[in-house]
Amino acid sequence: MKIGYIFPAVVGVAGIALLVWFIASGAWMPGH
């Protein structure tokens, strides 16, 4: 298993998903 390739990919996907969720939640609550 190429952990050196899989790990950064998983972290990248999780980071993007978290960023999108953060922006979406911020869009729903502009006051915050």
PDB file of N, CA and C in Angstrom:
ATOM      1  N   MET A   1       0.848  -1.204   0.000  1.00  0.00           N
ATOM      2  CA  MET A   1       0.000   0.000   0.000  1.00  0.00           C
ATOM      3  C   MET A   1       0.878   1.246   0.000  1.00  0.00           C
ATOM      4  N   LYS A   2       0.556   2.153  -0.896  1.00  0.00           N
ATOM      5  CA  LYS A   2       1.336   3.386  -0.970  1.00  0.00           C
ATOM      6  C   LYS A   2       0.706   4.428  -0.050  1.00  0.00           C
ATOM      7  N   ILE A   3       1.042   4.337   1.239  1.00  0.00           N
ATOM      8  CA  ILE A   3       0.469   5.263   2.222  1.00  0.00           C
ATOM      9  C   ILE A   3       0.859   6.698   1.884  1.00  0.00           C
ATOM     10  N   GLY A   4       2.075   6.869   1.368  1.00  0.00           N
ATOM     11  CA  GLY A   4       2.557   8.206   1.038  1.00  0.00           C
ATOM     12  C   GLY A   4       1.706   8.886  -0.019  1.00  0.00           C
ATOM     13  N   TYR A   5       0.928   8.091  -0.766  1.00  0.00           N
ATOM     14  CA  TYR A   5       0.079   8.672  -1.805  1.00  0.00           C
ATOM     15  C   TYR A   5      -1.371   8.731  -1.358  1.00  0.00           C
ATOM     16  N   ILE A   6      -1.805   7.720  -0.611  1.00  0.00           N
ATOM     17  CA  ILE A   6      -3.208   7.644  -0.179  1.00  0.00           C
ATOM     18  C   ILE A   6      -3.490   8.661   0.927  1.00  0.00           C
ATOM     19  N   PHE A   7      -2.586   8.771   1.887  1.00  0.00           N
ATOM     20  CA  PHE A   7      -2.826   9.655   3.036  1.00  0.00           C
ATOM     21  C   PHE A   7      -3.045  11.109   2.626  1.00  0.00           C
ATOM     22  N   PRO A   8      -2.155  11.706   1.817  1.00  0.00           N
ATOM     23  CA  PRO A   8      -2.364  13.103   1.399  1.00  0.00           C
ATOM     24  C   PRO A   8      -3.652  13.271   0.607  1.00  0.00           C
ATOM     25  N   ALA A   9      -4.030  12.256  -0.166  1.00  0.00           N
ATOM     26  CA  ALA A   9      -5.265  12.334  -0.956  1.00  0.00           C
ATOM     27  C   ALA A   9      -6.471  12.375  -0.031  1.00  0.00           C
ATOM     28  N   VAL A  10      -6.476  11.520   0.992  1.00  0.00           N
ATOM     29  CA  VAL A  10      -7.593  11.481   1.943  1.00  0.00           C
ATOM     30  C   VAL A  10      -7.673  12.806   2.702  1.00  0.00           C
ATOM     31  N   VAL A  11      -6.521  13.306   3.141  1.00  0.00           N
ATOM     32  CA  VAL A  11      -6.493  14.574   3.878  1.00  0.00           C
ATOM     33  C   VAL A  11      -6.971  15.719   2.988  1.00  0.00           C
ATOM     34  N   GLY A  12      -6.569  15.682   1.718  1.00  0.00           N
ATOM     35  CA  GLY A  12      -6.973  16.730   0.786  1.00  0.00           C
ATOM     36  C   GLY A  12      -8.477  16.727   0.570  1.00  0.00           C
ATOM     37  N   VAL A  13      -9.049  15.540   0.347  1.00  0.00           N
ATOM     38  CA  VAL A  13     -10.497  15.434   0.123  1.00  0.00           C
ATOM     39  C   VAL A  13     -11.251  15.866   1.374  1.00  0.00           C
ATOM     40  N   ALA A  14     -10.778  15.432   2.545  1.00  0.00           N
ATOM     41  CA  ALA A  14     -11.444  15.792   3.798  1.00  0.00           C
ATOM     42  C   ALA A  14     -11.342  17.302   4.023  1.00  0.00           C
ATOM     43  N   GLY A  15     -10.195  17.871   3.709  1.00  0.00           N
ATOM     44  CA  GLY A  15      -9.998  19.312   3.884  1.00  0.00           C
ATOM     45  C   GLY A  15     -10.922  20.118   2.981  1.00  0.00           C
ATOM     46  N   ILE A  16     -11.051  19.670   1.730  1.00  0.00           N
ATOM     47  CA  ILE A  16     -11.932  20.372   0.786  1.00  0.00           C
ATOM     48  C   ILE A  16     -13.380  20.260   1.240  1.00  0.00           C
ATOM     49  N   ALA A  17     -13.774  19.063   1.689  1.00  0.00           N
ATOM     50  CA  ALA A  17     -15.155  18.856   2.143  1.00  0.00           C
ATOM     51  C   ALA A  17     -15.439  19.751   3.347  1.00  0.00           C
ATOM     52  N   LEU A  18     -14.473  19.836   4.266  1.00  0.00           N
ATOM     53  CA  LEU A  18     -14.653  20.671   5.456  1.00  0.00           C
ATOM     54  C   LEU A  18     -14.739  22.144   5.062  1.00  0.00           C
ATOM     55  N   LEU A  19     -13.895  22.548   4.106  1.00  0.00           N
ATOM     56  CA  LEU A  19     -13.906  23.940   3.658  1.00  0.00           C
ATOM     57  C   LEU A  19     -15.245  24.288   3.013  1.00  0.00           C
ATOM     58  N   VAL A  20     -15.750  23.387   2.165  1.00  0.00           N
ATOM     59  CA  VAL A  20     -17.042  23.614   1.501  1.00  0.00           C
ATOM     60  C   VAL A  20     -18.156  23.695   2.537  1.00  0.00           C
ATOM     61  N   TRP A  21     -18.116  22.799   3.551  1.00  0.00           N
ATOM     62  CA  TRP A  21     -19.153  22.800   4.592  1.00  0.00           C
ATOM     63  C   TRP A  21     -19.085  24.095   5.402  1.00  0.00           C
ATOM     64  N   PHE A  22     -17.862  24.560   5.677  1.00  0.00           N
ATOM     65  CA  PHE A  22     -17.684  25.793   6.446  1.00  0.00           C
ATOM     66  C   PHE A  22     -18.252  26.983   5.682  1.00  0.00           C
ATOM     67  N   ILE A  23     -17.960  27.054   4.387  1.00  0.00           N
ATOM     68  CA  ILE A  23     -18.468  28.157   3.558  1.00  0.00           C
ATOM     69  C   ILE A  23     -19.987  28.076   3.460  1.00  0.00           C
ATOM     70  N   ALA A  24     -20.513  26.864   3.302  1.00  0.00           N
ATOM     71  CA  ALA A  24     -21.963  26.685   3.177  1.00  0.00           C
ATOM     72  C   ALA A  24     -22.661  27.102   4.470  1.00  0.00           C
ATOM     73  N   SER A  25     -22.117  26.698   5.610  1.00  0.00           N
ATOM     74  CA  SER A  25     -22.723  27.054   6.896  1.00  0.00           C
ATOM     75  C   SER A  25     -22.635  28.567   7.106  1.00  0.00           C
ATOM     76  N   GLY A  26     -21.545  29.177   6.649  1.00  0.00           N
ATOM     77  CA  GLY A  26     -21.379  30.621   6.772  1.00  0.00           C
ATOM     78  C   GLY A  26     -22.375  31.349   5.884  1.00  0.00           C
ATOM     79  N   ALA A  27     -22.681  30.754   4.730  1.00  0.00           N
ATOM     80  CA  ALA A  27     -23.632  31.369   3.809  1.00  0.00           C
ATOM     81  C   ALA A  27     -25.040  31.319   4.399  1.00  0.00           C
ATOM     82  N   TRP A  28     -25.315  30.246   5.155  1.00  0.00           N
ATOM     83  CA  TRP A  28     -26.638  30.119   5.771  1.00  0.00           C
ATOM     84  C   TRP A  28     -26.767  31.058   6.964  1.00  0.00           C
ATOM     85  N   MET A  29     -25.631  31.420   7.575  1.00  0.00           N
ATOM     86  CA  MET A  29     -25.667  32.307   8.740  1.00  0.00           C
ATOM     87  C   MET A  29     -24.750  33.506   8.498  1.00  0.00           C
ATOM     88  N   PRO A  30     -25.176  34.485   7.686  1.00  0.00           N
ATOM     89  CA  PRO A  30     -24.327  35.629   7.370  1.00  0.00           C
ATOM     90  C   PRO A  30     -24.019  36.487   8.594  1.00  0.00           C
ATOM     91  N   GLY A  31     -24.912  36.456   9.583  1.00  0.00           N
ATOM     92  CA  GLY A  31     -24.712  37.261  10.785  1.00  0.00           C
ATOM     93  C   GLY A  31     -23.544  36.763  11.609  1.00  0.00           C
ATOM     94  N   HIS A  32     -23.192  35.495  11.444  1.00  0.00           N
ATOM     95  CA  HIS A  32     -22.091  34.921  12.198  1.00  0.00           C
ATOM     96  C   HIS A  32     -20.855  34.864  11.314  1.00  0.00           C
TER      97      HIS A  32
END
